[in-house]
N, C-alpha and C. Protein backbone atom coordinates (compact mmCIF):
# COMPACT_ATOMS: atom_id res chain seq x y z
N MET A 1 -6.74 -39.88 -21.33
CA MET A 1 -6.40 -41.37 -20.90
C MET A 1 -4.98 -41.79 -20.95
N VAL A 2 -4.41 -42.11 -20.10
CA VAL A 2 -3.26 -42.54 -19.72
C VAL A 2 -3.04 -43.90 -20.50
N GLU A 3 -2.05 -43.94 -21.45
CA GLU A 3 -1.54 -45.34 -21.83
C GLU A 3 -0.59 -45.84 -21.15
N ARG A 4 -0.89 -47.05 -20.65
CA ARG A 4 0.35 -47.99 -20.06
C ARG A 4 1.02 -48.70 -20.76
N ASN A 5 2.37 -48.88 -20.36
CA ASN A 5 3.33 -49.55 -21.17
C ASN A 5 3.06 -51.21 -20.82
N PRO A 6 3.20 -51.67 -21.75
CA PRO A 6 2.77 -53.22 -21.74
C PRO A 6 3.53 -54.01 -20.86
N ILE A 7 4.76 -53.47 -20.33
CA ILE A 7 5.67 -54.49 -19.24
C ILE A 7 5.27 -54.01 -17.95
N MET A 8 4.07 -52.96 -17.91
CA MET A 8 3.57 -52.67 -16.44
C MET A 8 2.18 -53.49 -16.31
N SER A 9 1.94 -53.93 -15.15
CA SER A 9 0.67 -54.51 -14.75
C SER A 9 -0.04 -53.83 -13.73
N ASP A 10 -1.33 -54.39 -13.59
CA ASP A 10 -2.07 -53.88 -12.62
C ASP A 10 -1.76 -54.41 -11.10
N SER A 11 -1.01 -55.42 -10.84
CA SER A 11 -0.47 -55.85 -9.54
C SER A 11 0.57 -55.00 -8.84
N VAL A 12 1.21 -53.99 -9.69
CA VAL A 12 2.14 -53.24 -9.10
C VAL A 12 1.78 -51.88 -9.33
N ASN A 13 2.04 -50.96 -8.18
CA ASN A 13 1.63 -49.58 -8.14
C ASN A 13 2.61 -48.75 -9.12
N HIS A 14 2.21 -47.67 -9.55
CA HIS A 14 2.64 -46.77 -10.48
C HIS A 14 2.87 -45.45 -9.87
N PHE A 15 4.14 -45.07 -9.35
CA PHE A 15 4.38 -43.82 -8.93
C PHE A 15 4.72 -42.95 -9.72
N THR A 16 4.40 -41.53 -9.38
CA THR A 16 4.85 -40.48 -10.13
C THR A 16 5.46 -39.37 -9.28
N ASP A 17 6.24 -38.55 -10.19
CA ASP A 17 6.62 -37.36 -9.17
C ASP A 17 5.64 -36.78 -8.28
N ALA A 18 4.33 -36.74 -8.83
CA ALA A 18 3.40 -36.22 -8.02
C ALA A 18 2.87 -36.97 -6.85
N SER A 19 2.91 -38.38 -6.90
CA SER A 19 2.38 -39.19 -5.84
C SER A 19 3.35 -39.77 -5.10
N PHE A 20 4.61 -39.59 -5.48
CA PHE A 20 5.59 -40.41 -4.72
C PHE A 20 5.83 -40.01 -3.18
N ASP A 21 5.75 -38.61 -2.88
CA ASP A 21 5.87 -38.34 -1.40
C ASP A 21 4.66 -39.22 -0.59
N GLN A 22 3.47 -39.04 -1.12
CA GLN A 22 2.27 -39.74 -0.30
C GLN A 22 2.38 -41.16 -0.44
N GLU A 23 2.60 -41.63 -1.73
CA GLU A 23 2.64 -43.23 -1.75
C GLU A 23 3.82 -43.94 -1.20
N VAL A 24 5.03 -43.05 -1.10
CA VAL A 24 6.28 -43.93 -0.71
C VAL A 24 6.84 -43.26 0.64
N ILE A 25 7.14 -42.08 0.69
CA ILE A 25 7.61 -41.49 1.68
C ILE A 25 6.76 -41.53 3.08
N GLN A 26 5.58 -41.38 2.74
CA GLN A 26 4.57 -41.23 3.84
C GLN A 26 4.07 -42.58 4.21
N SER A 27 4.30 -43.72 3.53
CA SER A 27 3.82 -44.84 3.62
C SER A 27 4.00 -45.54 4.97
N THR A 28 3.06 -46.27 5.62
CA THR A 28 3.37 -46.80 6.88
C THR A 28 4.00 -48.17 6.83
N GLU A 29 3.86 -48.67 5.69
CA GLU A 29 4.30 -50.24 5.23
C GLU A 29 5.77 -49.79 4.41
N PRO A 30 6.68 -50.89 4.37
CA PRO A 30 7.74 -50.81 3.77
C PRO A 30 7.21 -50.58 2.05
N VAL A 31 8.16 -50.15 1.17
CA VAL A 31 7.96 -49.69 -0.17
C VAL A 31 9.09 -50.15 -0.94
N LEU A 32 8.88 -51.24 -1.89
CA LEU A 32 9.71 -51.46 -2.72
C LEU A 32 9.57 -50.64 -4.18
N VAL A 33 10.61 -49.93 -4.70
CA VAL A 33 10.36 -49.20 -5.69
C VAL A 33 11.30 -49.58 -6.87
N ASP A 34 10.69 -49.63 -8.06
CA ASP A 34 11.81 -50.27 -9.24
C ASP A 34 11.57 -48.94 -10.07
N PHE A 35 12.95 -48.31 -10.28
CA PHE A 35 13.01 -47.40 -11.13
C PHE A 35 13.43 -47.81 -12.45
N TRP A 36 12.58 -47.55 -13.51
CA TRP A 36 12.85 -48.11 -14.83
C TRP A 36 12.64 -47.22 -15.99
N ALA A 37 12.72 -47.51 -17.08
CA ALA A 37 12.24 -46.86 -18.54
C ALA A 37 11.99 -47.79 -19.61
N ALA A 38 10.98 -47.60 -20.42
CA ALA A 38 10.39 -48.51 -21.36
C ALA A 38 11.51 -48.97 -22.46
N TRP A 39 12.75 -48.03 -22.61
CA TRP A 39 13.70 -48.58 -23.57
C TRP A 39 14.81 -49.38 -23.07
N CYS A 40 14.61 -49.45 -21.52
CA CYS A 40 15.68 -50.16 -20.76
C CYS A 40 15.39 -51.93 -21.02
N MET A 41 16.23 -52.46 -21.62
CA MET A 41 15.97 -54.04 -21.93
C MET A 41 16.40 -54.80 -20.44
N PRO A 42 17.29 -54.43 -19.57
CA PRO A 42 17.23 -55.17 -18.23
C PRO A 42 16.11 -54.80 -17.48
N CYS A 43 15.44 -53.59 -17.74
CA CYS A 43 14.23 -53.45 -17.09
C CYS A 43 13.06 -54.26 -17.58
N ARG A 44 13.00 -54.60 -18.61
CA ARG A 44 12.19 -55.70 -19.13
C ARG A 44 12.25 -56.90 -18.59
N PHE A 45 13.54 -57.44 -18.38
CA PHE A 45 13.83 -58.78 -17.87
C PHE A 45 13.43 -58.46 -16.25
N VAL A 46 13.66 -57.52 -15.48
CA VAL A 46 13.23 -57.61 -14.11
C VAL A 46 11.71 -57.48 -13.78
N ALA A 47 11.00 -56.81 -14.81
CA ALA A 47 9.42 -56.64 -14.39
C ALA A 47 8.80 -57.73 -14.06
N PRO A 48 9.04 -59.03 -14.71
CA PRO A 48 8.30 -60.08 -14.13
C PRO A 48 8.43 -60.41 -12.77
N VAL A 49 9.72 -60.12 -12.47
CA VAL A 49 10.27 -60.56 -11.17
C VAL A 49 9.69 -59.63 -10.11
N VAL A 50 9.66 -58.34 -10.29
CA VAL A 50 8.93 -57.34 -9.70
C VAL A 50 7.63 -57.81 -9.17
N GLU A 51 6.80 -58.13 -10.37
CA GLU A 51 5.31 -58.55 -10.35
C GLU A 51 5.19 -59.74 -9.37
N LYS A 52 6.21 -60.66 -9.56
CA LYS A 52 6.14 -61.86 -8.63
C LYS A 52 6.14 -61.45 -7.08
N ILE A 53 7.32 -60.63 -6.90
CA ILE A 53 7.38 -60.10 -5.50
C ILE A 53 6.32 -59.27 -4.87
N ALA A 54 5.59 -58.54 -5.66
CA ALA A 54 4.35 -57.74 -5.41
C ALA A 54 3.16 -58.69 -4.92
N THR A 55 3.19 -60.02 -5.69
CA THR A 55 2.04 -60.89 -5.32
C THR A 55 2.41 -61.89 -4.30
N ALA A 56 3.71 -61.94 -4.09
CA ALA A 56 4.10 -62.63 -2.75
C ALA A 56 4.23 -62.09 -1.65
N TYR A 57 4.43 -60.69 -1.57
CA TYR A 57 4.52 -59.88 -0.46
C TYR A 57 3.36 -58.96 -0.27
N LYS A 58 2.45 -59.26 -1.05
CA LYS A 58 1.09 -58.43 -0.67
C LYS A 58 0.61 -58.55 0.81
N GLY A 59 0.48 -57.34 1.33
CA GLY A 59 0.16 -57.16 2.83
C GLY A 59 1.37 -56.90 3.55
N LYS A 60 2.53 -57.08 3.20
CA LYS A 60 3.82 -56.91 3.76
C LYS A 60 4.38 -55.76 3.25
N VAL A 61 4.39 -55.62 2.08
CA VAL A 61 5.28 -54.57 1.35
C VAL A 61 4.30 -54.04 0.14
N LYS A 62 4.42 -52.80 0.07
CA LYS A 62 3.89 -52.01 -1.17
C LYS A 62 5.01 -52.07 -2.34
N VAL A 63 4.56 -52.69 -3.53
CA VAL A 63 5.50 -52.49 -4.66
C VAL A 63 5.14 -51.62 -5.58
N GLY A 64 6.06 -51.00 -6.37
CA GLY A 64 5.67 -50.07 -7.33
C GLY A 64 6.57 -49.64 -8.27
N LYS A 65 6.45 -48.99 -9.29
CA LYS A 65 7.34 -48.53 -10.37
C LYS A 65 7.41 -47.28 -10.52
N VAL A 66 8.54 -46.58 -10.95
CA VAL A 66 8.81 -45.22 -11.37
C VAL A 66 9.43 -45.05 -12.68
N ASP A 67 8.71 -44.67 -13.78
CA ASP A 67 9.41 -44.40 -15.03
C ASP A 67 10.00 -43.19 -15.00
N VAL A 68 11.48 -43.33 -15.18
CA VAL A 68 12.24 -42.28 -14.95
C VAL A 68 12.38 -41.26 -16.11
N ASP A 69 11.84 -41.61 -17.11
CA ASP A 69 11.49 -40.78 -18.22
C ASP A 69 10.64 -39.71 -18.06
N SER A 70 9.26 -40.34 -17.60
CA SER A 70 8.29 -39.56 -17.07
C SER A 70 8.19 -38.86 -15.92
N ASN A 71 9.17 -39.23 -15.08
CA ASN A 71 9.29 -38.58 -13.80
C ASN A 71 10.67 -38.16 -13.32
N PRO A 72 11.27 -37.31 -13.95
CA PRO A 72 12.62 -37.05 -13.60
C PRO A 72 12.98 -36.41 -12.43
N MET A 73 11.88 -35.69 -11.68
CA MET A 73 12.36 -35.20 -10.47
C MET A 73 12.58 -36.09 -9.30
N ILE A 74 11.96 -37.17 -9.34
CA ILE A 74 12.06 -38.38 -8.22
C ILE A 74 13.28 -39.05 -8.60
N ALA A 75 13.65 -39.20 -9.98
CA ALA A 75 14.89 -40.02 -10.26
C ALA A 75 15.99 -39.10 -10.01
N SER A 76 16.02 -37.88 -10.18
CA SER A 76 17.26 -37.05 -10.03
C SER A 76 17.31 -36.91 -8.31
N GLN A 77 16.13 -36.63 -7.56
CA GLN A 77 16.33 -36.57 -6.08
C GLN A 77 17.00 -37.75 -5.43
N TYR A 78 16.81 -38.86 -6.06
CA TYR A 78 17.16 -39.98 -5.42
C TYR A 78 18.62 -40.60 -6.15
N GLY A 79 19.35 -39.80 -6.97
CA GLY A 79 20.36 -40.05 -7.64
C GLY A 79 20.37 -40.96 -8.68
N ILE A 80 19.38 -41.70 -9.28
CA ILE A 80 19.11 -42.80 -10.03
C ILE A 80 19.82 -42.51 -11.42
N SER A 81 21.08 -43.07 -11.52
CA SER A 81 21.97 -42.81 -12.70
C SER A 81 21.96 -44.12 -13.51
N SER A 82 21.44 -45.21 -13.24
CA SER A 82 21.64 -46.63 -13.76
C SER A 82 20.32 -47.11 -13.23
N ILE A 83 19.74 -47.86 -14.52
CA ILE A 83 18.54 -48.48 -14.25
C ILE A 83 18.31 -49.91 -14.91
N PRO A 84 17.69 -50.92 -14.27
CA PRO A 84 16.80 -50.75 -13.31
C PRO A 84 17.65 -50.40 -11.84
N THR A 85 17.32 -49.66 -11.05
CA THR A 85 17.42 -49.43 -9.73
C THR A 85 16.30 -49.76 -8.91
N ILE A 86 16.43 -50.64 -7.95
CA ILE A 86 15.34 -51.19 -7.09
C ILE A 86 15.85 -50.92 -5.58
N LEU A 87 14.88 -49.84 -4.97
CA LEU A 87 15.28 -49.39 -3.65
C LEU A 87 14.14 -49.86 -2.71
N LEU A 88 14.50 -50.10 -1.51
CA LEU A 88 13.39 -50.34 -0.36
C LEU A 88 13.45 -49.12 0.70
N TYR A 89 12.18 -48.70 0.82
CA TYR A 89 11.93 -47.76 1.74
C TYR A 89 11.18 -48.06 2.86
N LYS A 90 11.61 -47.64 4.18
CA LYS A 90 10.93 -47.92 5.47
C LYS A 90 10.90 -46.58 6.05
N GLY A 91 9.85 -46.28 6.63
CA GLY A 91 9.81 -44.97 7.36
C GLY A 91 9.92 -43.69 6.58
N GLY A 92 9.87 -43.76 5.31
CA GLY A 92 10.32 -42.67 4.37
C GLY A 92 12.05 -42.56 3.91
N GLN A 93 12.66 -43.59 4.41
CA GLN A 93 14.08 -43.60 4.23
C GLN A 93 14.51 -44.78 3.32
N VAL A 94 15.31 -44.72 2.52
CA VAL A 94 15.85 -45.72 1.67
C VAL A 94 16.62 -46.58 2.61
N VAL A 95 16.41 -47.79 2.78
CA VAL A 95 17.17 -48.72 3.72
C VAL A 95 17.97 -49.79 3.04
N ASP A 96 17.78 -50.08 1.76
CA ASP A 96 18.43 -50.97 0.84
C ASP A 96 18.06 -50.75 -0.45
N GLY A 97 19.01 -51.39 -1.35
CA GLY A 97 18.59 -51.28 -2.70
C GLY A 97 19.47 -51.96 -3.66
N VAL A 98 19.35 -52.41 -4.70
CA VAL A 98 20.24 -53.07 -5.87
C VAL A 98 20.08 -52.34 -7.11
N ILE A 99 21.15 -52.39 -8.12
CA ILE A 99 21.07 -52.00 -9.37
C ILE A 99 21.27 -53.01 -10.29
N GLY A 100 20.48 -53.22 -11.25
CA GLY A 100 20.68 -54.23 -12.37
C GLY A 100 19.29 -55.01 -12.29
N ALA A 101 19.33 -56.24 -13.45
CA ALA A 101 18.29 -56.96 -13.32
C ALA A 101 18.65 -58.23 -12.39
N VAL A 102 18.21 -58.31 -11.12
CA VAL A 102 18.66 -59.35 -10.32
C VAL A 102 17.46 -60.45 -10.11
N PRO A 103 17.89 -61.55 -9.87
CA PRO A 103 16.90 -62.62 -9.57
C PRO A 103 15.97 -62.50 -8.49
N LYS A 104 15.07 -63.06 -8.42
CA LYS A 104 13.77 -62.79 -7.53
C LYS A 104 14.42 -63.42 -5.80
N GLU A 105 15.22 -64.18 -6.08
CA GLU A 105 15.72 -64.73 -4.84
C GLU A 105 16.52 -63.55 -4.07
N GLN A 106 17.27 -62.83 -4.96
CA GLN A 106 18.13 -61.73 -4.09
C GLN A 106 17.09 -60.42 -3.58
N LEU A 107 16.14 -60.36 -4.34
CA LEU A 107 14.93 -59.39 -3.78
C LEU A 107 14.34 -59.94 -2.64
N GLU A 108 13.93 -61.08 -2.73
CA GLU A 108 13.45 -61.89 -1.41
C GLU A 108 14.41 -61.67 -0.30
N ARG A 109 15.76 -61.99 -0.37
CA ARG A 109 16.66 -61.80 0.87
C ARG A 109 16.62 -60.57 1.27
N MET A 110 16.65 -59.65 0.50
CA MET A 110 16.71 -57.95 0.84
C MET A 110 15.43 -57.74 1.49
N LEU A 111 14.26 -58.12 1.12
CA LEU A 111 13.16 -57.90 1.60
C LEU A 111 12.96 -58.41 3.27
N ASP A 112 13.35 -59.78 3.03
CA ASP A 112 13.29 -60.57 4.43
C ASP A 112 14.11 -60.00 5.41
N LYS A 113 15.25 -59.49 4.96
CA LYS A 113 16.15 -59.07 5.82
C LYS A 113 15.69 -57.80 6.58
N HIS A 114 14.79 -57.05 6.09
CA HIS A 114 14.14 -55.81 6.48
C HIS A 114 12.89 -55.92 7.22
N LEU A 115 12.30 -57.11 7.06
CA LEU A 115 10.81 -57.42 7.35
C LEU A 115 10.93 -58.30 8.76
N VAL A 116 12.17 -58.65 9.04
CA VAL A 116 12.26 -59.52 10.47
C VAL A 116 11.64 -58.55 11.64
N ALA A 117 10.82 -59.14 12.39
CA ALA A 117 10.28 -58.44 13.54
C ALA A 117 11.30 -58.07 14.55
N VAL A 118 11.50 -56.90 15.10
CA VAL A 118 12.47 -56.45 15.95
C VAL A 118 11.73 -56.81 17.49
N ASN A 119 12.53 -57.57 18.14
CA ASN A 119 11.86 -57.89 19.62
C ASN A 119 12.53 -57.00 20.46
């Protein structure tokens, strides 16, 4: 049985080294990924913000977290050296991101900028 960290909820996906390619890179919808660790205090501050984003953008953006301690391959592959790092993937590519515990409004601006329909 997998034990979940208390700062993670069921409203947010949990990506791993094994599932990242299928869940994020091959996703047909944009994916917001929060790279975090249980010992990281700023990660604890941003966790409720990520949950609110997951709820507000349900159906528009897939939202998930990667525990960098449990999934070092993905963290290394994307050069994650500071956490929390929140990256937005579209079409399998990183299109935007922020480092640090940022306010919900900053994440919303980032998402909205990339969700605007191209005519």
